[in-house]
Amino acid sequence: MPVLSLAFGDMSLTTSPDLQGAAAAIAIAKKIIATGIATLTKSGGPDENQTLAYDLAHASAAVETARSLLDYGAKGDIEGRITCAFTADMVHDLISRLIGREKMWGVNLDEFSSTNEFLATYRAPEFLASLADTPGPRHLDSDFEMVQDTFRLFASKVIAPEAEHVHRFNGDVPEKIISGLADIGAFGLSVPSEYGGFSEGGEGEYMASVIATEELSHASLGIGGSLITRPEILTRALVKGGTEEQKHEWLPKLASAEVMAAVAVTEPDYGSDVAGIKTTGVRAKNADGQEGWVINGVKTWCTFAARANVLMLLARTDPDRSLTHRGLSLFIVPKPLGESHGFVFHQDGGGRMEGRPIDTIGYRGMHSYEIAIENWWVPADNLIGGDAGLGRGFYLQMEGFENGRLQTAARAVGVMQAAYDAALDYANNRTVFGESIFNFELTKVKLGRMAMVIQGSRQFSYAVAGLMGKGEGAMEASMVKAYVCKAAEWVTREALQIHGGYGYAEEYSVSRLYVDARVLSIFEGADETLCLKVIARRLIEAQGK
């Protein structure tokens, strides 16, 4: 058993990592998960037992996060201690989910008895307190360190000074941020080099995007971290299924920010139920006799739609609704630039597009809209994939959305890191009852848990980027999104709490981070839908193989 050495005066602690114990605890957790999946399968699946499916999805995501840390933990003492702390936290959370629901899962809590000593060691307040100001190295290769440094510098110098003003006054993304990001190649990270971007494919492409997104989100989620995601979703759809003509037409423009994109998929009545969308695309000629499509329908939660030059829009092109996903196609819909407070555009021939802004408590700057589209004509060349793309729209947009989930996890890591940094700085400088609040055990325990949750989330994001670079990791991308976005809510909440009353004041950035974090479990796949319709189902499929 690891030896604890505690000096009560300064709360210092020396504990040797026990990676074998961590691996053993993870193995037990995976066995419990497997039993739960088998029980879920027998009970009718996620639709019949939603609570079990939801808990299994989140528990599986936490287990996979811990498992991804084992390699990280072998790289040094602090890395090992973070890994052990995270693993103990994961097992504790899993046991909490099980208590009172053992029969529902089909498991026995006695299976965890061998982990008692491990949990007692690595959940000890003294041990967690020792991690309070020791977040651990990231272990990036030199090329990725350069990406990190480039985007960190831009974020701190250009984005951060604008973040509070935009948030408080619900302002727009300053154009200097868009042009500056274009100058450092942010919009071309996923565009293949032959089309004017910087991607050579493989792991590097995904890792660079994850690292850049974290650094931009550290400065601001609303005017930094999310800016590169929308054009990337369209980029990946084009790379996957666009014609060569479309790739040469649009990808260089996306890489240079000559064209900025917004995503128009969600509809008011259907939310995550994409198969049910009503927006239609019907073949029609315009007044000049050109072949094209006429779009009619309403889209909602179209982030950045006013500033965007094009909408990536999903529409039903086959009226046979029994085809569900197979009747949907994806369009590039050009539009003029609009005002953030709302816009109305008209086309010759009677087309009309109206955007109504949706005010939100956080995530301000890019703005979201509900867009009503009436008889809006789109050239035939703007159907992604041409005639070969008919009915493939759902699958093409999912190509972008799966990586969008990984990018959302990276955004969550950036927001968490900013909250932790703010809380650590405040704790070191705030004196209560004649003593720095950093010296209080409870403060240190909170900061220590924040540090290991953030590093675990980051390392899992890196691992998923590696998988996606190999053409794998679709389920893990959903898992990392589910775990990290929920974690961000807790981290930002505790960071605000450490600030006390000042955390509730807008003059401190932590209040912005707190409300921004709340959106992360909602967009790019609402948490419940992601867990029930994606993760739980894929867990069942994987176990059945």
Protein backbone atom coordinates (compact mmCIF):
# COMPACT_ATOMS: atom_id res chain seq x y z
CA MET A 1 0.00 0.00 0.00
CA PRO A 2 1.29 3.55 -0.75
CA VAL A 3 2.71 5.38 2.24
CA LEU A 4 1.13 8.67 3.32
CA SER A 5 3.32 11.32 4.89
CA LEU A 6 1.37 14.30 6.16
CA ALA A 7 2.72 17.50 7.68
CA PHE A 8 -0.37 19.03 9.22
CA GLY A 9 1.03 22.55 9.35
CA ASP A 10 1.30 23.09 5.59
CA MET A 11 -0.91 20.24 4.41
CA SER A 12 1.96 18.84 2.31
CA LEU A 13 1.55 15.22 1.28
CA THR A 14 3.72 12.57 -0.31
CA THR A 15 1.94 9.60 -1.82
CA SER A 16 3.46 7.16 -4.28
CA PRO A 17 1.26 6.44 -7.31
CA ASP A 18 -0.19 2.95 -7.53
CA LEU A 19 -0.88 2.45 -11.23
CA GLN A 20 -1.39 -1.27 -10.78
CA GLY A 21 -4.10 -0.50 -8.26
CA ALA A 22 -5.61 2.02 -10.68
CA ALA A 23 -5.61 -0.52 -13.52
CA ALA A 24 -7.23 -3.13 -11.26
CA ALA A 25 -9.94 -0.68 -10.19
CA ILE A 26 -10.61 0.24 -13.83
CA ALA A 27 -10.88 -3.46 -14.74
CA ILE A 28 -13.51 -3.99 -12.04
CA ALA A 29 -15.40 -0.91 -13.20
CA LYS A 30 -15.36 -2.17 -16.79
CA LYS A 31 -16.71 -5.54 -15.62
CA ILE A 32 -19.55 -3.77 -13.80
CA ILE A 33 -20.29 -1.73 -16.93
CA ALA A 34 -20.35 -4.89 -19.06
CA THR A 35 -22.85 -6.50 -16.70
CA GLY A 36 -24.99 -3.36 -16.81
CA ILE A 37 -24.93 -3.34 -20.62
CA ALA A 38 -26.01 -6.99 -20.70
CA THR A 39 -28.86 -6.21 -18.28
CA LEU A 40 -29.90 -3.21 -20.40
CA THR A 41 -29.93 -5.37 -23.51
CA LYS A 42 -32.13 -8.00 -21.87
CA SER A 43 -34.50 -5.38 -20.49
CA GLY A 44 -35.36 -3.98 -23.91
CA GLY A 45 -32.58 -1.45 -24.53
CA PRO A 46 -32.28 2.31 -23.99
CA ASP A 47 -35.84 3.15 -25.00
CA GLU A 48 -37.31 0.80 -22.38
CA ASN A 49 -34.91 1.64 -19.54
CA GLN A 50 -33.72 5.19 -20.04
CA THR A 51 -32.36 5.76 -16.53
CA LEU A 52 -30.08 2.72 -16.70
CA ALA A 53 -29.00 3.62 -20.22
CA TYR A 54 -28.19 7.21 -19.21
CA ASP A 55 -26.20 6.15 -16.15
CA LEU A 56 -24.35 3.51 -18.16
CA ALA A 57 -23.40 6.04 -20.81
CA HIS A 58 -21.94 8.50 -18.31
CA ALA A 59 -20.29 5.80 -16.22
CA SER A 60 -18.71 4.30 -19.35
CA ALA A 61 -17.41 7.71 -20.37
CA ALA A 62 -15.78 8.19 -16.96
CA VAL A 63 -14.23 4.69 -17.08
CA GLU A 64 -12.80 5.35 -20.54
CA THR A 65 -11.40 8.67 -19.33
CA ALA A 66 -9.65 6.87 -16.47
CA ARG A 67 -8.36 4.17 -18.80
CA SER A 68 -6.91 6.78 -21.16
CA LEU A 69 -4.96 8.22 -18.22
CA LEU A 70 -2.98 5.04 -17.51
CA ASP A 71 -0.36 5.82 -20.16
CA TYR A 72 -0.19 9.41 -18.94
CA GLY A 73 0.26 8.20 -15.37
CA ALA A 74 3.36 6.22 -16.31
CA LYS A 75 5.19 9.37 -17.42
CA GLY A 76 6.04 10.72 -13.98
CA ASP A 77 5.14 11.09 -10.31
CA ILE A 78 2.60 13.89 -10.60
CA GLU A 79 1.08 12.24 -13.67
CA GLY A 80 0.72 9.02 -11.67
CA ARG A 81 -0.87 10.78 -8.73
CA ILE A 82 -3.39 12.53 -11.00
CA THR A 83 -4.24 9.19 -12.59
CA CYS A 84 -4.80 7.52 -9.25
CA ALA A 85 -6.90 10.42 -7.97
CA PHE A 86 -9.05 10.41 -11.09
CA THR A 87 -9.52 6.64 -10.99
CA ALA A 88 -10.57 6.73 -7.34
CA ASP A 89 -13.00 9.54 -8.13
CA MET A 90 -14.42 7.54 -11.04
CA VAL A 91 -14.98 4.43 -8.90
CA HIS A 92 -16.63 6.52 -6.19
CA ASP A 93 -18.98 8.06 -8.76
CA LEU A 94 -19.83 4.64 -10.19
CA ILE A 95 -20.60 3.23 -6.74
CA SER A 96 -22.81 6.25 -6.06
CA ARG A 97 -24.80 5.47 -9.20
CA LEU A 98 -25.21 1.85 -8.14
CA ILE A 99 -26.31 2.20 -4.53
CA GLY A 100 -30.00 1.32 -4.35
CA ARG A 101 -30.03 0.29 -8.01
CA GLU A 102 -27.96 -2.89 -7.86
CA LYS A 103 -30.84 -5.03 -9.14
CA MET A 104 -31.51 -2.63 -11.98
CA TRP A 105 -27.87 -3.01 -13.08
CA GLY A 106 -27.70 -6.72 -12.23
CA VAL A 107 -24.56 -6.26 -10.11
CA ASN A 108 -23.33 -6.71 -6.56
CA LEU A 109 -21.46 -3.93 -4.76
CA ASP A 110 -19.22 -6.53 -3.10
CA GLU A 111 -17.29 -6.63 -6.37
CA PHE A 112 -15.74 -3.30 -5.36
CA SER A 113 -14.48 -4.54 -1.98
CA SER A 114 -10.93 -4.98 -3.28
CA THR A 115 -10.78 -1.28 -4.18
CA ASN A 116 -11.49 -0.03 -0.64
CA GLU A 117 -7.85 0.54 0.25
CA PHE A 118 -7.15 2.24 -3.08
CA LEU A 119 -10.11 4.58 -2.63
CA ALA A 120 -9.18 5.37 0.97
CA THR A 121 -5.70 6.38 -0.15
CA TYR A 122 -6.48 8.42 -3.23
CA ARG A 123 -9.73 10.01 -2.08
CA ALA A 124 -8.16 11.17 1.17
CA PRO A 125 -8.63 14.94 1.55
CA GLU A 126 -4.93 15.31 2.28
CA PHE A 127 -4.04 13.64 -0.99
CA LEU A 128 -6.46 15.68 -3.08
CA ALA A 129 -5.24 18.86 -1.38
CA SER A 130 -1.70 18.05 -2.54
CA LEU A 131 -2.85 18.43 -6.15
CA ALA A 132 -4.35 21.90 -5.60
CA ASP A 133 -1.65 23.83 -7.46
CA THR A 134 -0.12 20.92 -9.38
CA PRO A 135 -2.19 20.41 -12.55
CA GLY A 136 0.46 18.30 -14.29
CA PRO A 137 2.22 18.63 -17.67
CA ARG A 138 0.41 18.06 -20.96
CA HIS A 139 3.20 16.11 -22.70
CA LEU A 140 2.76 17.57 -26.17
CA ASP A 141 5.17 16.99 -29.02
CA SER A 142 7.14 20.05 -30.12
CA ASP A 143 4.91 20.63 -33.18
CA PHE A 144 1.81 20.68 -31.00
CA GLU A 145 3.51 22.88 -28.42
CA MET A 146 4.01 25.38 -31.24
CA VAL A 147 0.29 25.19 -32.05
CA GLN A 148 -0.50 25.70 -28.37
CA ASP A 149 1.82 28.69 -28.06
CA THR A 150 0.51 30.31 -31.25
CA PHE A 151 -3.13 30.11 -30.26
CA ARG A 152 -2.48 30.90 -26.60
CA LEU A 153 -0.70 34.11 -27.58
CA PHE A 154 -3.47 35.16 -29.94
CA ALA A 155 -6.15 34.30 -27.39
CA SER A 156 -4.51 36.28 -24.60
CA LYS A 157 -3.65 39.33 -26.70
CA VAL A 158 -6.63 39.63 -29.03
CA ILE A 159 -9.60 37.64 -27.66
CA ALA A 160 -9.31 37.99 -23.88
CA PRO A 161 -9.43 41.84 -23.85
CA GLU A 162 -12.77 41.71 -25.70
CA ALA A 163 -14.40 38.82 -23.83
CA GLU A 164 -16.04 40.64 -20.91
CA HIS A 165 -17.37 43.53 -22.98
CA VAL A 166 -18.98 41.22 -25.55
CA HIS A 167 -20.50 39.08 -22.80
CA ARG A 168 -21.97 41.91 -20.75
CA PHE A 169 -23.37 43.87 -23.70
CA ASN A 170 -24.26 40.88 -25.89
CA GLY A 171 -21.95 42.27 -28.54
CA ASP A 172 -20.70 40.81 -31.79
CA VAL A 173 -17.48 38.95 -32.50
CA PRO A 174 -15.01 41.70 -33.44
CA GLU A 175 -13.89 41.41 -37.05
CA LYS A 176 -10.25 41.65 -35.98
CA ILE A 177 -10.66 38.28 -34.24
CA ILE A 178 -12.01 36.64 -37.40
CA SER A 179 -9.30 38.10 -39.63
CA GLY A 180 -6.61 37.39 -37.04
CA LEU A 181 -7.64 33.75 -36.73
CA ALA A 182 -7.61 33.46 -40.51
CA ASP A 183 -4.07 34.87 -40.56
CA ILE A 184 -2.79 32.17 -38.18
CA GLY A 185 -4.54 29.41 -40.10
CA ALA A 186 -7.30 28.59 -37.63
CA PHE A 187 -9.99 28.00 -40.26
CA GLY A 188 -7.75 25.79 -42.37
CA LEU A 189 -6.75 23.25 -39.72
CA SER A 190 -9.14 20.64 -41.16
CA VAL A 191 -8.94 21.72 -44.81
CA PRO A 192 -6.65 19.41 -46.81
CA SER A 193 -3.51 21.13 -48.07
CA GLU A 194 -4.44 20.51 -51.72
CA TYR A 195 -7.47 22.75 -51.19
CA GLY A 196 -5.64 25.62 -49.52
CA GLY A 197 -5.63 24.43 -45.92
CA PHE A 198 -3.07 23.02 -43.52
CA SER A 199 -4.27 19.47 -42.93
CA GLU A 200 -2.13 16.53 -43.96
CA GLY A 201 -4.66 14.13 -42.44
CA GLY A 202 -4.18 11.68 -39.58
CA GLU A 203 -3.85 12.34 -35.88
CA GLY A 204 -2.12 15.68 -36.34
CA GLU A 205 -5.19 17.28 -37.88
CA TYR A 206 -7.45 16.37 -34.96
CA MET A 207 -4.86 17.13 -32.29
CA ALA A 208 -4.14 20.57 -33.71
CA SER A 209 -7.85 21.41 -33.68
CA VAL A 210 -8.27 20.18 -30.10
CA ILE A 211 -5.29 22.18 -28.85
CA ALA A 212 -6.28 25.33 -30.73
CA THR A 213 -9.88 25.08 -29.55
CA GLU A 214 -8.87 24.71 -25.90
CA GLU A 215 -6.63 27.78 -26.01
CA LEU A 216 -9.25 29.92 -27.76
CA SER A 217 -11.95 28.78 -25.32
CA HIS A 218 -9.70 29.63 -22.38
CA ALA A 219 -10.02 33.26 -23.46
CA SER A 220 -13.70 33.10 -24.45
CA LEU A 221 -16.14 30.40 -25.47
CA GLY A 222 -18.44 32.80 -27.31
CA ILE A 223 -15.95 34.78 -29.39
CA GLY A 224 -13.05 32.34 -29.47
CA GLY A 225 -13.48 28.64 -28.99
CA SER A 226 -16.57 28.21 -31.13
CA LEU A 227 -15.50 30.24 -34.13
CA ILE A 228 -13.62 27.44 -35.86
CA THR A 229 -16.21 24.72 -35.25
CA ARG A 230 -18.92 25.81 -37.69
CA PRO A 231 -16.72 26.09 -40.79
CA GLU A 232 -15.09 22.82 -39.75
CA ILE A 233 -18.45 20.98 -39.77
CA LEU A 234 -19.06 22.15 -43.34
CA THR A 235 -15.45 21.39 -44.25
CA ARG A 236 -15.73 17.77 -43.14
CA ALA A 237 -19.02 17.30 -44.95
CA LEU A 238 -17.42 18.58 -48.16
CA VAL A 239 -14.28 16.48 -47.73
CA LYS A 240 -16.40 13.39 -47.10
CA GLY A 241 -18.98 13.75 -49.84
CA GLY A 242 -18.51 16.89 -51.90
CA THR A 243 -17.74 16.84 -55.59
CA GLU A 244 -14.26 17.91 -56.69
CA GLU A 245 -15.75 21.10 -58.10
CA GLN A 246 -17.37 21.87 -54.74
CA LYS A 247 -14.16 21.17 -52.84
CA HIS A 248 -12.15 23.50 -55.06
CA GLU A 249 -14.87 26.14 -54.88
CA TRP A 250 -15.60 26.20 -51.16
CA LEU A 251 -12.71 24.75 -49.15
CA PRO A 252 -10.16 27.49 -49.99
CA LYS A 253 -12.77 30.11 -49.11
CA LEU A 254 -13.50 28.43 -45.78
CA ALA A 255 -9.79 28.14 -44.98
CA SER A 256 -9.19 31.85 -45.62
CA ALA A 257 -12.42 33.02 -43.90
CA GLU A 258 -13.55 34.56 -47.18
CA VAL A 259 -16.64 32.47 -46.41
CA MET A 260 -17.89 31.98 -42.87
CA ALA A 261 -20.45 29.25 -42.27
CA ALA A 262 -23.36 28.60 -39.92
CA VAL A 263 -25.15 25.29 -39.40
CA ALA A 264 -28.92 25.07 -40.02
CA VAL A 265 -30.03 21.59 -38.98
CA THR A 266 -32.18 21.80 -35.82
CA GLU A 267 -35.87 22.67 -36.11
CA PRO A 268 -38.27 24.05 -33.45
CA ASP A 269 -40.46 20.95 -33.20
CA TYR A 270 -37.79 18.29 -33.47
CA GLY A 271 -34.59 19.33 -31.68
CA SER A 272 -32.23 16.37 -31.80
CA ASP A 273 -34.76 14.27 -33.74
CA VAL A 274 -33.20 15.14 -37.08
CA ALA A 275 -35.10 12.41 -38.93
CA GLY A 276 -38.35 14.30 -38.36
CA ILE A 277 -37.37 17.63 -39.89
CA LYS A 278 -39.91 19.39 -42.11
CA THR A 279 -37.75 21.83 -44.08
CA THR A 280 -38.02 20.85 -47.72
CA GLY A 281 -35.88 21.17 -50.82
CA VAL A 282 -37.74 20.90 -54.13
CA ARG A 283 -36.19 21.01 -57.59
CA ALA A 284 -37.04 24.23 -59.43
CA LYS A 285 -35.66 26.67 -61.98
CA ASN A 286 -35.12 30.32 -61.18
CA ALA A 287 -36.33 33.23 -63.30
CA ASP A 288 -33.28 32.84 -65.58
CA GLY A 289 -34.02 29.19 -66.17
CA GLN A 290 -31.17 27.88 -64.02
CA GLU A 291 -31.63 24.49 -62.38
CA GLY A 292 -31.70 24.52 -58.62
CA TRP A 293 -33.66 23.88 -55.44
CA VAL A 294 -36.25 25.91 -53.54
CA ILE A 295 -35.96 25.71 -49.75
CA ASN A 296 -38.90 26.17 -47.37
CA GLY A 297 -38.92 25.70 -43.60
CA VAL A 298 -37.85 26.98 -40.20
CA LYS A 299 -34.50 26.32 -38.54
CA THR A 300 -33.52 27.21 -34.99
CA TRP A 301 -30.37 27.54 -32.90
CA CYS A 302 -28.42 28.63 -35.97
CA THR A 303 -25.35 30.05 -34.26
CA PHE A 304 -23.50 32.83 -36.14
CA ALA A 305 -26.21 32.92 -38.81
CA ALA A 306 -26.23 36.73 -39.19
CA ARG A 307 -22.48 37.06 -39.82
CA ALA A 308 -22.22 33.88 -41.89
CA ASN A 309 -21.96 34.02 -45.66
CA VAL A 310 -23.49 30.56 -46.08
CA LEU A 311 -25.73 28.17 -44.18
CA MET A 312 -24.99 24.45 -44.16
CA LEU A 313 -28.64 23.44 -44.33
CA LEU A 314 -30.25 20.01 -44.02
CA ALA A 315 -33.53 19.59 -45.90
CA ARG A 316 -35.93 16.83 -46.87
CA THR A 317 -35.60 16.24 -50.61
CA ASP A 318 -37.73 13.10 -50.75
CA PRO A 319 -41.35 13.59 -49.64
CA ASP A 320 -41.58 9.95 -48.51
CA ARG A 321 -41.18 10.47 -44.75
CA SER A 322 -40.85 6.73 -44.18
CA LEU A 323 -37.30 7.11 -45.51
CA THR A 324 -36.45 9.13 -42.34
CA HIS A 325 -32.69 9.90 -42.51
CA ARG A 326 -32.37 8.59 -46.07
CA GLY A 327 -34.64 11.30 -47.44
CA LEU A 328 -32.45 14.18 -46.28
CA SER A 329 -29.89 16.14 -48.30
CA LEU A 330 -27.34 18.80 -47.41
CA PHE A 331 -27.09 22.20 -49.09
CA ILE A 332 -24.72 25.16 -49.08
CA VAL A 333 -27.10 28.13 -48.94
CA PRO A 334 -25.50 31.51 -49.71
CA LYS A 335 -26.91 34.55 -47.91
CA PRO A 336 -25.99 38.22 -47.35
CA LEU A 337 -24.40 39.38 -44.10
CA GLY A 338 -27.02 40.40 -41.57
CA GLU A 339 -27.36 42.48 -38.42
CA SER A 340 -27.01 40.73 -35.07
CA HIS A 341 -30.35 42.10 -33.81
CA GLY A 342 -32.17 40.32 -36.65
CA PHE A 343 -32.31 40.30 -40.42
CA VAL A 344 -34.66 39.98 -43.40
CA PHE A 345 -33.41 39.21 -46.91
CA HIS A 346 -35.28 38.98 -50.21
CA GLN A 347 -34.42 37.28 -53.49
CA ASP A 348 -35.57 38.19 -56.97
CA GLY A 349 -38.46 35.86 -57.64
CA GLY A 350 -39.94 36.03 -54.16
CA GLY A 351 -37.49 34.21 -51.90
CA ARG A 352 -37.38 35.41 -48.31
CA MET A 353 -35.16 34.65 -45.28
CA GLU A 354 -35.82 36.13 -41.83
CA GLY A 355 -33.61 35.62 -38.77
CA ARG A 356 -34.87 36.26 -35.25
CA PRO A 357 -32.18 36.42 -32.55
CA ILE A 358 -32.51 34.12 -29.53
CA ASP A 359 -31.25 35.86 -26.38
CA THR A 360 -29.21 33.57 -24.10
CA ILE A 361 -27.82 33.79 -20.57
CA GLY A 362 -24.30 33.06 -21.77
CA TYR A 363 -22.31 31.98 -24.83
CA ARG A 364 -22.65 35.46 -26.26
CA GLY A 365 -20.94 37.00 -29.25
CA MET A 366 -21.77 34.62 -32.10
CA HIS A 367 -25.54 34.85 -31.41
CA SER A 368 -28.11 32.19 -32.24
CA TYR A 369 -31.16 32.61 -34.46
CA GLU A 370 -34.43 31.10 -35.54
CA ILE A 371 -34.57 31.40 -39.32
CA ALA A 372 -37.74 31.28 -41.40
CA ILE A 373 -37.04 30.44 -45.04
CA GLU A 374 -39.63 30.91 -47.77
CA ASN A 375 -39.03 29.93 -51.40
CA TRP A 376 -35.28 30.55 -51.11
CA TRP A 377 -33.65 29.38 -54.33
CA VAL A 378 -30.28 27.60 -54.25
CA PRO A 379 -28.23 26.61 -57.36
CA ALA A 380 -28.13 22.91 -58.21
CA ASP A 381 -24.35 22.98 -57.75
CA ASN A 382 -24.87 23.72 -54.05
CA LEU A 383 -26.33 20.32 -53.25
CA ILE A 384 -23.34 18.72 -51.49
CA GLY A 385 -22.26 15.73 -53.52
CA GLY A 386 -24.46 16.67 -56.46
CA ASP A 387 -27.02 14.06 -57.46
CA ALA A 388 -24.85 11.45 -55.70
CA GLY A 389 -25.47 13.40 -52.49
CA LEU A 390 -29.24 13.05 -52.63
CA GLY A 391 -30.44 11.31 -49.49
CA ARG A 392 -26.96 11.37 -47.94
CA GLY A 393 -27.28 14.66 -46.10
CA PHE A 394 -27.75 13.19 -42.64
CA TYR A 395 -24.64 11.05 -42.96
CA LEU A 396 -22.54 13.88 -44.38
CA GLN A 397 -23.49 16.29 -41.60
CA MET A 398 -22.75 13.60 -39.01
CA GLU A 399 -19.19 13.48 -40.37
CA GLY A 400 -18.80 17.01 -39.10
CA PHE A 401 -20.84 16.58 -35.94
CA GLU A 402 -18.78 13.65 -34.62
CA ASN A 403 -15.66 15.78 -34.66
CA GLY A 404 -17.78 18.68 -33.42
CA ARG A 405 -18.36 16.66 -30.25
CA LEU A 406 -14.62 16.29 -29.76
CA GLN A 407 -14.20 20.00 -30.35
CA THR A 408 -16.93 20.72 -27.80
CA ALA A 409 -15.00 18.67 -25.27
CA ALA A 410 -11.92 20.75 -26.06
CA ARG A 411 -13.98 23.91 -25.57
CA ALA A 412 -15.11 22.57 -22.19
CA VAL A 413 -11.49 21.91 -21.19
CA GLY A 414 -10.57 25.48 -22.08
CA VAL A 415 -13.45 26.90 -20.04
CA MET A 416 -12.58 24.63 -17.09
CA GLN A 417 -8.92 25.59 -17.22
CA ALA A 418 -9.82 29.29 -17.22
CA ALA A 419 -12.12 28.76 -14.22
CA TYR A 420 -9.44 26.82 -12.33
CA ASP A 421 -6.81 29.47 -13.09
CA ALA A 422 -9.13 32.20 -11.84
CA ALA A 423 -10.02 30.27 -8.68
CA LEU A 424 -6.40 29.43 -7.88
CA ASP A 425 -5.34 33.05 -8.33
CA TYR A 426 -8.24 34.32 -6.21
CA ALA A 427 -7.59 31.75 -3.47
CA ASN A 428 -3.95 32.78 -3.22
CA ASN A 429 -4.81 36.45 -2.97
CA ARG A 430 -7.96 36.42 -0.83
CA THR A 431 -7.53 36.63 2.95
CA VAL A 432 -10.30 35.57 5.33
CA PHE A 433 -10.00 35.45 9.12
CA GLY A 434 -6.40 36.56 8.74
CA GLU A 435 -5.34 33.72 6.44
CA SER A 436 -5.21 33.08 2.70
CA ILE A 437 -8.16 30.92 1.73
CA PHE A 438 -5.79 28.77 -0.31
CA ASN A 439 -4.49 27.38 2.99
CA PHE A 440 -7.91 26.05 3.98
CA GLU A 441 -8.26 22.30 3.49
CA LEU A 442 -11.63 22.54 1.76
CA THR A 443 -10.34 25.06 -0.77
CA LYS A 444 -7.34 22.87 -1.53
CA VAL A 445 -9.46 19.75 -1.91
CA LYS A 446 -11.74 21.54 -4.37
CA LEU A 447 -8.81 22.87 -6.37
CA GLY A 448 -7.10 19.47 -6.33
CA ARG A 449 -10.17 17.72 -7.69
CA MET A 450 -10.56 20.44 -10.32
CA ALA A 451 -6.96 19.97 -11.44
CA MET A 452 -7.23 16.20 -11.87
CA VAL A 453 -10.65 16.39 -13.57
CA ILE A 454 -9.31 18.93 -16.06
CA GLN A 455 -6.17 16.93 -16.83
CA GLY A 456 -8.16 13.72 -17.17
CA SER A 457 -10.55 15.46 -19.55
CA ARG A 458 -7.69 16.90 -21.57
CA GLN A 459 -5.82 13.61 -21.89
CA PHE A 460 -8.99 11.77 -22.92
CA SER A 461 -9.54 14.45 -25.60
CA TYR A 462 -6.01 13.82 -26.87
CA ALA A 463 -6.65 10.07 -26.93
CA VAL A 464 -9.88 10.50 -28.89
CA ALA A 465 -8.10 12.80 -31.36
CA GLY A 466 -5.62 9.98 -31.94
CA LEU A 467 -8.42 7.51 -32.59
CA MET A 468 -10.25 9.83 -34.97
CA GLY A 469 -7.02 10.40 -36.88
CA LYS A 470 -7.08 6.66 -37.61
CA GLY A 471 -10.68 6.76 -38.77
CA GLU A 472 -11.96 5.38 -35.46
CA GLY A 473 -13.33 6.80 -32.21
CA ALA A 474 -16.91 7.76 -33.14
CA MET A 475 -18.28 6.38 -29.86
CA GLU A 476 -15.37 7.79 -27.85
CA ALA A 477 -16.03 11.24 -29.36
CA SER A 478 -19.56 11.07 -27.95
CA MET A 479 -18.22 9.81 -24.62
CA VAL A 480 -15.66 12.57 -24.22
CA LYS A 481 -18.33 15.15 -25.01
CA ALA A 482 -20.71 13.65 -22.44
CA TYR A 483 -18.14 13.40 -19.64
CA VAL A 484 -16.21 16.61 -20.12
CA CYS A 485 -19.20 18.91 -20.58
CA LYS A 486 -20.82 17.72 -17.36
CA ALA A 487 -17.48 18.08 -15.59
CA ALA A 488 -17.23 21.68 -16.79
CA GLU A 489 -20.44 22.54 -14.98
CA TRP A 490 -19.00 21.30 -11.69
CA VAL A 491 -15.58 22.91 -12.13
CA THR A 492 -16.99 26.34 -13.01
CA ARG A 493 -19.52 26.09 -10.19
CA GLU A 494 -16.80 25.39 -7.62
CA ALA A 495 -14.55 28.09 -9.08
CA LEU A 496 -17.38 30.59 -8.63
CA GLN A 497 -17.97 29.32 -5.09
CA ILE A 498 -14.33 29.83 -4.16
CA HIS A 499 -14.76 33.47 -5.19
CA GLY A 500 -17.68 33.78 -2.76
CA GLY A 501 -19.89 36.79 -3.37
CA TYR A 502 -17.47 38.19 -5.91
CA GLY A 503 -18.02 35.12 -8.05
CA TYR A 504 -21.59 36.27 -8.55
CA ALA A 505 -20.41 39.70 -9.68
CA GLU A 506 -19.93 40.34 -13.38
CA GLU A 507 -16.66 42.14 -12.74
CA TYR A 508 -15.04 38.72 -12.23
CA SER A 509 -14.68 36.52 -15.31
CA VAL A 510 -15.70 33.39 -13.39
CA SER A 511 -19.36 34.42 -13.57
CA ARG A 512 -19.14 34.40 -17.36
CA LEU A 513 -17.38 31.03 -17.36
CA TYR A 514 -20.12 29.60 -15.16
CA VAL A 515 -23.00 30.53 -17.47
CA ASP A 516 -20.98 29.64 -20.58
CA ALA A 517 -20.29 26.15 -19.24
CA ARG A 518 -24.00 25.44 -18.94
CA VAL A 519 -24.52 25.38 -22.70
CA LEU A 520 -21.89 22.69 -23.30
CA SER A 521 -24.15 19.76 -22.38
CA ILE A 522 -26.88 21.12 -24.64
CA PHE A 523 -25.37 21.89 -28.03
CA GLU A 524 -23.62 19.49 -30.44
CA GLY A 525 -26.01 16.81 -29.18
CA ALA A 526 -28.05 17.31 -26.01
CA ASP A 527 -26.66 15.20 -23.18
CA GLU A 528 -29.70 12.97 -22.76
CA THR A 529 -30.08 12.30 -26.49
CA LEU A 530 -26.36 11.69 -26.87
CA CYS A 531 -26.37 9.17 -24.02
CA LEU A 532 -29.56 7.32 -24.97
CA LYS A 533 -29.49 7.42 -28.76
CA VAL A 534 -25.75 7.22 -29.41
CA ILE A 535 -23.56 6.02 -26.54
CA ALA A 536 -25.89 3.43 -24.98
CA ARG A 537 -26.80 1.94 -28.34
CA ARG A 538 -23.18 1.74 -29.44
CA LEU A 539 -22.23 0.11 -26.13
CA ILE A 540 -24.82 -2.58 -26.80
CA GLU A 541 -23.59 -3.03 -30.37
CA ALA A 542 -19.94 -3.24 -29.30
CA GLN A 543 -20.67 -5.83 -26.60
CA GLY A 544 -22.70 -7.90 -29.03
CA LYS A 545 -19.81 -8.31 -31.45
